[in-house]
Amino acid sequence: MAQKQQYVCPVCGESLLNDEELHLHHKKPKSQGGGDNYGNLQLVHLYCHQQIHSGTICSL
């Protein structure tokens, strides 16, 4: 998955390989019918994931 994203966090644009904790993010939430399929998941940094879910930034 990291390779598919060219090792870049889609939220902040920084490298995924900077020793920050990574989380799997559902592009389309499961509560809205999104699944656990590869195309609906992306790797993001922990802090970026928290920003998405706090509403600080738009969901990707």
N, C-alpha and C. Protein backbone atom coordinates (compact mmCIF):
# COMPACT_ATOMS: atom_id res chain seq x y z
N MET A 1 0.82 -1.17 0.00
CA MET A 1 0.00 0.00 0.00
C MET A 1 0.88 1.26 0.00
N ALA A 2 1.95 1.25 0.79
CA ALA A 2 2.86 2.40 0.82
C ALA A 2 3.47 2.63 -0.56
N GLN A 3 3.81 1.55 -1.22
CA GLN A 3 4.40 1.67 -2.56
C GLN A 3 3.40 2.30 -3.52
N LYS A 4 2.14 1.89 -3.44
CA LYS A 4 1.08 2.44 -4.30
C LYS A 4 0.96 3.95 -4.09
N GLN A 5 1.20 4.41 -2.86
CA GLN A 5 1.13 5.83 -2.52
C GLN A 5 2.47 6.53 -2.73
N GLN A 6 3.42 5.82 -3.32
CA GLN A 6 4.78 6.33 -3.53
C GLN A 6 5.41 6.78 -2.21
N TYR A 7 5.05 6.08 -1.13
CA TYR A 7 5.61 6.30 0.21
C TYR A 7 5.35 7.72 0.73
N VAL A 8 4.22 8.31 0.32
CA VAL A 8 3.87 9.67 0.72
C VAL A 8 2.51 9.65 1.41
N CYS A 9 2.40 10.38 2.50
CA CYS A 9 1.12 10.54 3.20
C CYS A 9 0.24 11.48 2.37
N PRO A 10 -0.98 11.06 2.03
CA PRO A 10 -1.84 11.90 1.21
C PRO A 10 -2.37 13.13 1.94
N VAL A 11 -2.22 13.18 3.24
CA VAL A 11 -2.71 14.32 4.02
C VAL A 11 -1.67 15.45 4.07
N CYS A 12 -0.47 15.11 4.51
CA CYS A 12 0.55 16.15 4.71
C CYS A 12 1.59 16.22 3.60
N GLY A 13 1.64 15.17 2.78
CA GLY A 13 2.61 15.16 1.69
C GLY A 13 4.01 14.75 2.10
N GLU A 14 4.19 14.38 3.36
CA GLU A 14 5.50 13.96 3.85
C GLU A 14 5.69 12.46 3.67
N SER A 15 6.92 12.01 3.77
CA SER A 15 7.24 10.60 3.63
C SER A 15 6.56 9.77 4.71
N LEU A 16 6.09 8.59 4.32
CA LEU A 16 5.54 7.65 5.29
C LEU A 16 6.64 6.99 6.10
N LEU A 17 7.86 7.11 5.65
CA LEU A 17 8.99 6.43 6.27
C LEU A 17 9.79 7.36 7.18
N ASN A 18 9.10 8.15 8.00
CA ASN A 18 9.79 9.09 8.88
C ASN A 18 9.67 8.70 10.35
N ASP A 19 9.42 7.44 10.61
CA ASP A 19 9.33 6.87 11.96
C ASP A 19 8.07 7.25 12.72
N GLU A 20 7.13 7.96 12.09
CA GLU A 20 5.85 8.23 12.74
C GLU A 20 4.97 6.99 12.63
N GLU A 21 4.10 6.82 13.61
CA GLU A 21 3.15 5.70 13.58
C GLU A 21 2.20 5.88 12.40
N LEU A 22 1.91 4.78 11.71
CA LEU A 22 1.02 4.81 10.56
C LEU A 22 -0.31 4.17 10.90
N HIS A 23 -1.37 4.69 10.28
CA HIS A 23 -2.71 4.14 10.44
C HIS A 23 -3.32 3.90 9.08
N LEU A 24 -4.21 2.91 9.03
CA LEU A 24 -5.00 2.68 7.83
C LEU A 24 -6.25 3.54 7.90
N HIS A 25 -6.50 4.30 6.86
CA HIS A 25 -7.67 5.16 6.81
C HIS A 25 -8.60 4.67 5.71
N HIS A 26 -9.90 4.59 6.03
CA HIS A 26 -10.92 4.26 5.04
C HIS A 26 -11.30 5.53 4.30
N LYS A 27 -11.09 5.57 2.99
CA LYS A 27 -11.46 6.73 2.20
C LYS A 27 -12.97 6.97 2.30
N LYS A 28 -13.74 5.93 2.12
CA LYS A 28 -15.19 5.99 2.32
C LYS A 28 -15.47 5.23 3.60
N PRO A 29 -15.97 5.91 4.63
CA PRO A 29 -16.18 5.26 5.93
C PRO A 29 -17.05 4.01 5.83
N LYS A 30 -16.74 3.04 6.67
CA LYS A 30 -17.53 1.81 6.71
C LYS A 30 -18.98 2.12 7.03
N SER A 31 -19.21 3.14 7.85
CA SER A 31 -20.57 3.52 8.22
C SER A 31 -21.36 4.06 7.03
N GLN A 32 -20.65 4.42 5.96
CA GLN A 32 -21.30 4.91 4.74
C GLN A 32 -21.19 3.91 3.60
N GLY A 33 -20.93 2.66 3.95
CA GLY A 33 -20.88 1.61 2.95
C GLY A 33 -19.50 1.28 2.41
N GLY A 34 -18.48 1.93 2.91
CA GLY A 34 -17.12 1.64 2.48
C GLY A 34 -16.66 0.32 3.06
N GLY A 35 -15.81 -0.36 2.35
CA GLY A 35 -15.34 -1.66 2.80
C GLY A 35 -13.87 -1.64 3.18
N ASP A 36 -13.39 -2.82 3.51
CA ASP A 36 -11.99 -3.00 3.86
C ASP A 36 -11.14 -3.37 2.65
N ASN A 37 -11.66 -3.14 1.46
CA ASN A 37 -10.93 -3.50 0.25
C ASN A 37 -9.77 -2.54 0.01
N TYR A 38 -8.78 -3.03 -0.66
CA TYR A 38 -7.53 -2.33 -0.91
C TYR A 38 -7.76 -0.93 -1.50
N GLY A 39 -8.71 -0.80 -2.39
CA GLY A 39 -8.97 0.48 -3.04
C GLY A 39 -9.60 1.52 -2.13
N ASN A 40 -10.11 1.10 -0.99
CA ASN A 40 -10.74 2.04 -0.06
C ASN A 40 -9.84 2.39 1.13
N LEU A 41 -8.63 1.89 1.12
CA LEU A 41 -7.73 2.11 2.25
C LEU A 41 -6.51 2.91 1.81
N GLN A 42 -5.98 3.69 2.74
CA GLN A 42 -4.73 4.40 2.50
C GLN A 42 -3.98 4.53 3.81
N LEU A 43 -2.67 4.59 3.72
CA LEU A 43 -1.83 4.78 4.89
C LEU A 43 -1.65 6.27 5.15
N VAL A 44 -1.81 6.66 6.41
CA VAL A 44 -1.59 8.04 6.82
C VAL A 44 -0.87 8.03 8.17
N HIS A 45 -0.21 9.12 8.48
CA HIS A 45 0.42 9.25 9.79
C HIS A 45 -0.66 9.32 10.87
N LEU A 46 -0.33 8.91 12.07
CA LEU A 46 -1.27 8.95 13.19
C LEU A 46 -1.85 10.36 13.35
N TYR A 47 -0.98 11.37 13.39
CA TYR A 47 -1.46 12.74 13.59
C TYR A 47 -2.38 13.17 12.45
N CYS A 48 -2.04 12.81 11.23
CA CYS A 48 -2.88 13.15 10.07
C CYS A 48 -4.24 12.45 10.18
N HIS A 49 -4.23 11.21 10.64
CA HIS A 49 -5.48 10.46 10.81
C HIS A 49 -6.35 11.14 11.87
N GLN A 50 -5.73 11.61 12.94
CA GLN A 50 -6.48 12.32 13.98
C GLN A 50 -7.08 13.60 13.43
N GLN A 51 -6.36 14.30 12.57
CA GLN A 51 -6.88 15.53 11.96
C GLN A 51 -8.08 15.23 11.07
N ILE A 52 -8.02 14.17 10.30
CA ILE A 52 -9.14 13.80 9.44
C ILE A 52 -10.38 13.59 10.28
N HIS A 53 -10.26 12.81 11.34
CA HIS A 53 -11.43 12.44 12.14
C HIS A 53 -11.88 13.53 13.11
N SER A 54 -11.05 14.52 13.33
CA SER A 54 -11.48 15.64 14.18
C SER A 54 -12.18 16.72 13.36
N GLY A 55 -12.12 16.57 12.03
CA GLY A 55 -12.75 17.55 11.15
C GLY A 55 -11.85 18.73 10.83
N THR A 56 -10.59 18.66 11.25
CA THR A 56 -9.65 19.74 10.99
C THR A 56 -9.38 19.87 9.50
N ILE A 57 -9.34 18.73 8.81
CA ILE A 57 -9.14 18.72 7.36
C ILE A 57 -10.22 17.87 6.73
N CYS A 58 -10.44 18.08 5.46
CA CYS A 58 -11.44 17.29 4.74
C CYS A 58 -10.94 15.86 4.59
N SER A 59 -11.85 14.93 4.62
CA SER A 59 -11.50 13.52 4.39
C SER A 59 -11.04 13.36 2.97
N LEU A 60 -10.10 12.46 2.77
CA LEU A 60 -9.53 12.23 1.43
C LEU A 60 -10.20 11.08 0.75
